[in-house]
Amino acid sequence: MSAPVPAAEAPGGRAQPEHRHPREVPLQGALAALADPVRLTLVRELAASQDWERACGSFDVPVRKAALSHHFAVLREAGLIEQRDSGARRVNRLRRAEFDERFPGLLDLVLSEAGEP
């Protein structure tokens, strides 16, 4: 398993997030990331959105900013999301195609169990 891509600095001095490709993630890591209700909400909301449409602060979850940052880091480490800076905002996309290639049907199952069609 390779290490995450090193963080680079974005304009303004903010470090770019580290990402792990789903093919480098063990099944246990993927399942652990999807087991948390807050992270499941984030994934569910991203699944219903266009790529790069949702900024980090736009999610309806009952946690503070520091905890939300932790949840995003866990999802990146599990290969579920990708983030990039767009001006002052950090935007997100669900890595659905890549994740589905690594774990066929898992995301569909998890989303359907969470009330997604």
C-alpha atoms as a PDB file:
ATOM      1  CA  MET A   1       0.000   0.000   0.000  1.00  0.00           C
ATOM      2  CA  SER A   2       1.434   3.374  -0.914  1.00  0.00           C
ATOM      3  CA  ALA A   3       1.351   6.446   1.274  1.00  0.00           C
ATOM      4  CA  PRO A   4      -1.085   9.276   0.635  1.00  0.00           C
ATOM      5  CA  VAL A   5      -0.001  11.963  -1.805  1.00  0.00           C
ATOM      6  CA  PRO A   6       1.926  14.627   0.145  1.00  0.00           C
ATOM      7  CA  ALA A   7       0.080  17.851   0.845  1.00  0.00           C
ATOM      8  CA  ALA A   8       1.075  20.880  -1.185  1.00  0.00           C
ATOM      9  CA  GLU A   9       0.288  24.439  -0.293  1.00  0.00           C
ATOM     10  CA  ALA A  10      -2.611  26.137  -1.974  1.00  0.00           C
ATOM     11  CA  PRO A  11      -2.616  29.848  -2.699  1.00  0.00           C
ATOM     12  CA  GLY A  12      -3.035  31.662   0.601  1.00  0.00           C
ATOM     13  CA  GLY A  13      -0.880  29.164   2.534  1.00  0.00           C
ATOM     14  CA  ARG A  14      -3.563  26.537   3.170  1.00  0.00           C
ATOM     15  CA  ALA A  15      -2.293  22.974   2.780  1.00  0.00           C
ATOM     16  CA  GLN A  16      -3.929  20.899   0.058  1.00  0.00           C
ATOM     17  CA  PRO A  17      -5.667  17.806   1.414  1.00  0.00           C
ATOM     18  CA  GLU A  18      -4.054  14.375   1.080  1.00  0.00           C
ATOM     19  CA  HIS A  19      -5.963  11.789  -0.932  1.00  0.00           C
ATOM     20  CA  ARG A  20      -5.783   8.008  -1.066  1.00  0.00           C
ATOM     21  CA  HIS A  21      -6.964   6.140  -4.136  1.00  0.00           C
ATOM     22  CA  PRO A  22      -9.635   3.516  -3.377  1.00  0.00           C
ATOM     23  CA  ARG A  23      -7.468   0.743  -4.845  1.00  0.00           C
ATOM     24  CA  GLU A  24      -5.080   1.319  -1.916  1.00  0.00           C
ATOM     25  CA  VAL A  25      -7.802   0.979   0.723  1.00  0.00           C
ATOM     26  CA  PRO A  26      -8.501  -2.312   2.518  1.00  0.00           C
ATOM     27  CA  LEU A  27     -12.132  -3.367   2.836  1.00  0.00           C
ATOM     28  CA  GLN A  28     -12.012  -2.854   6.612  1.00  0.00           C
ATOM     29  CA  GLY A  29     -10.975   0.794   6.094  1.00  0.00           C
ATOM     30  CA  ALA A  30     -13.816   1.418   3.674  1.00  0.00           C
ATOM     31  CA  LEU A  31     -16.357  -0.202   5.986  1.00  0.00           C
ATOM     32  CA  ALA A  32     -15.105   1.745   9.008  1.00  0.00           C
ATOM     33  CA  ALA A  33     -15.389   5.044   7.129  1.00  0.00           C
ATOM     34  CA  LEU A  34     -18.946   4.251   6.070  1.00  0.00           C
ATOM     35  CA  ALA A  35     -20.040   3.047   9.524  1.00  0.00           C
ATOM     36  CA  ASP A  36     -20.192   6.486  11.125  1.00  0.00           C
ATOM     37  CA  PRO A  37     -23.570   8.279  10.817  1.00  0.00           C
ATOM     38  CA  VAL A  38     -22.017  11.698  10.143  1.00  0.00           C
ATOM     39  CA  ARG A  39     -19.756  10.335   7.414  1.00  0.00           C
ATOM     40  CA  LEU A  40     -22.666   8.411   5.953  1.00  0.00           C
ATOM     41  CA  THR A  41     -24.639  11.660   5.769  1.00  0.00           C
ATOM     42  CA  LEU A  42     -21.735  13.368   4.006  1.00  0.00           C
ATOM     43  CA  VAL A  43     -21.470  10.526   1.474  1.00  0.00           C
ATOM     44  CA  ARG A  44     -25.226  10.454   0.949  1.00  0.00           C
ATOM     45  CA  GLU A  45     -25.383  14.219   0.333  1.00  0.00           C
ATOM     46  CA  LEU A  46     -22.412  14.033  -2.044  1.00  0.00           C
ATOM     47  CA  ALA A  47     -24.058  11.165  -3.932  1.00  0.00           C
ATOM     48  CA  ALA A  48     -27.056  13.433  -4.546  1.00  0.00           C
ATOM     49  CA  SER A  49     -24.886  16.359  -5.739  1.00  0.00           C
ATOM     50  CA  GLN A  50     -22.839  17.194  -8.798  1.00  0.00           C
ATOM     51  CA  ASP A  51     -19.040  16.861  -8.565  1.00  0.00           C
ATOM     52  CA  TRP A  52     -17.377  19.871  -6.961  1.00  0.00           C
ATOM     53  CA  GLU A  53     -20.770  21.447  -6.141  1.00  0.00           C
ATOM     54  CA  ARG A  54     -20.659  21.100  -2.350  1.00  0.00           C
ATOM     55  CA  ALA A  55     -18.404  23.158  -0.117  1.00  0.00           C
ATOM     56  CA  CYS A  56     -17.426  21.711   3.250  1.00  0.00           C
ATOM     57  CA  GLY A  57     -19.638  24.106   5.194  1.00  0.00           C
ATOM     58  CA  SER A  58     -22.754  23.292   3.171  1.00  0.00           C
ATOM     59  CA  PHE A  59     -23.525  19.929   4.791  1.00  0.00           C
ATOM     60  CA  ASP A  60     -26.320  19.522   7.320  1.00  0.00           C
ATOM     61  CA  VAL A  61     -24.512  17.614  10.071  1.00  0.00           C
ATOM     62  CA  PRO A  62     -24.589  18.150  13.865  1.00  0.00           C
ATOM     63  CA  VAL A  63     -20.841  18.595  14.405  1.00  0.00           C
ATOM     64  CA  ARG A  64     -18.485  21.522  14.775  1.00  0.00           C
ATOM     65  CA  LYS A  65     -15.899  22.541  12.204  1.00  0.00           C
ATOM     66  CA  ALA A  66     -12.998  20.599  13.771  1.00  0.00           C
ATOM     67  CA  ALA A  67     -15.008  17.382  13.938  1.00  0.00           C
ATOM     68  CA  LEU A  68     -16.245  17.925  10.383  1.00  0.00           C
ATOM     69  CA  SER A  69     -12.644  18.294   9.200  1.00  0.00           C
ATOM     70  CA  HIS A  70     -11.826  14.976  10.872  1.00  0.00           C
ATOM     71  CA  HIS A  71     -14.748  13.249   9.130  1.00  0.00           C
ATOM     72  CA  PHE A  72     -13.626  14.592   5.750  1.00  0.00           C
ATOM     73  CA  ALA A  73     -10.089  13.340   6.443  1.00  0.00           C
ATOM     74  CA  VAL A  74     -11.400   9.844   7.221  1.00  0.00           C
ATOM     75  CA  LEU A  75     -13.418   9.831   3.979  1.00  0.00           C
ATOM     76  CA  ARG A  76     -10.347  10.950   1.977  1.00  0.00           C
ATOM     77  CA  GLU A  77      -8.217   8.256   3.630  1.00  0.00           C
ATOM     78  CA  ALA A  78     -10.839   5.662   2.681  1.00  0.00           C
ATOM     79  CA  GLY A  79     -10.762   6.813  -0.945  1.00  0.00           C
ATOM     80  CA  LEU A  80     -14.389   7.920  -0.848  1.00  0.00           C
ATOM     81  CA  ILE A  81     -13.999  11.620  -1.521  1.00  0.00           C
ATOM     82  CA  GLU A  82     -11.703  14.062  -3.216  1.00  0.00           C
ATOM     83  CA  GLN A  83     -11.383  17.694  -2.187  1.00  0.00           C
ATOM     84  CA  ARG A  84      -9.925  20.778  -3.816  1.00  0.00           C
ATOM     85  CA  ASP A  85      -9.834  24.470  -3.099  1.00  0.00           C
ATOM     86  CA  SER A  86     -11.998  26.815  -5.135  1.00  0.00           C
ATOM     87  CA  GLY A  87     -11.200  30.319  -4.004  1.00  0.00           C
ATOM     88  CA  ALA A  88     -11.809  30.492  -0.259  1.00  0.00           C
ATOM     89  CA  ARG A  89     -13.982  27.354  -0.303  1.00  0.00           C
ATOM     90  CA  ARG A  90     -12.967  23.709  -0.202  1.00  0.00           C
ATOM     91  CA  VAL A  91     -15.236  21.699  -2.490  1.00  0.00           C
ATOM     92  CA  ASN A  92     -15.857  17.972  -2.617  1.00  0.00           C
ATOM     93  CA  ARG A  93     -16.685  15.145  -4.962  1.00  0.00           C
ATOM     94  CA  LEU A  94     -17.636  11.564  -4.267  1.00  0.00           C
ATOM     95  CA  ARG A  95     -15.153   9.239  -5.979  1.00  0.00           C
ATOM     96  CA  ARG A  96     -17.984   6.958  -6.980  1.00  0.00           C
ATOM     97  CA  ALA A  97     -16.520   5.432 -10.154  1.00  0.00           C
ATOM     98  CA  GLU A  98     -13.149   4.714  -8.533  1.00  0.00           C
ATOM     99  CA  PHE A  99     -14.731   3.383  -5.334  1.00  0.00           C
ATOM    100  CA  ASP A 100     -17.203   1.216  -7.281  1.00  0.00           C
ATOM    101  CA  GLU A 101     -14.332  -0.255  -9.288  1.00  0.00           C
ATOM    102  CA  ARG A 102     -12.542  -1.255  -6.072  1.00  0.00           C
ATOM    103  CA  PHE A 103     -15.637  -2.317  -4.091  1.00  0.00           C
ATOM    104  CA  PRO A 104     -18.389  -3.165  -6.615  1.00  0.00           C
ATOM    105  CA  GLY A 105     -21.867  -2.679  -5.185  1.00  0.00           C
ATOM    106  CA  LEU A 106     -20.752  -1.568  -1.713  1.00  0.00           C
ATOM    107  CA  LEU A 107     -21.649   2.087  -2.118  1.00  0.00           C
ATOM    108  CA  ASP A 108     -24.992   1.213  -3.739  1.00  0.00           C
ATOM    109  CA  LEU A 109     -25.799  -1.058  -0.803  1.00  0.00           C
ATOM    110  CA  VAL A 110     -24.787   1.491   1.813  1.00  0.00           C
ATOM    111  CA  LEU A 111     -26.745   4.281   0.119  1.00  0.00           C
ATOM    112  CA  SER A 112     -29.848   2.127  -0.321  1.00  0.00           C
ATOM    113  CA  GLU A 113     -29.697   1.152   3.363  1.00  0.00           C
ATOM    114  CA  ALA A 114     -29.463   4.848   4.206  1.00  0.00           C
ATOM    115  CA  GLY A 115     -32.656   5.648   2.323  1.00  0.00           C
ATOM    116  CA  GLU A 116     -31.227   6.474  -1.101  1.00  0.00           C
ATOM    117  CA  PRO A 117     -33.041   5.140  -4.182  1.00  0.00           C
END
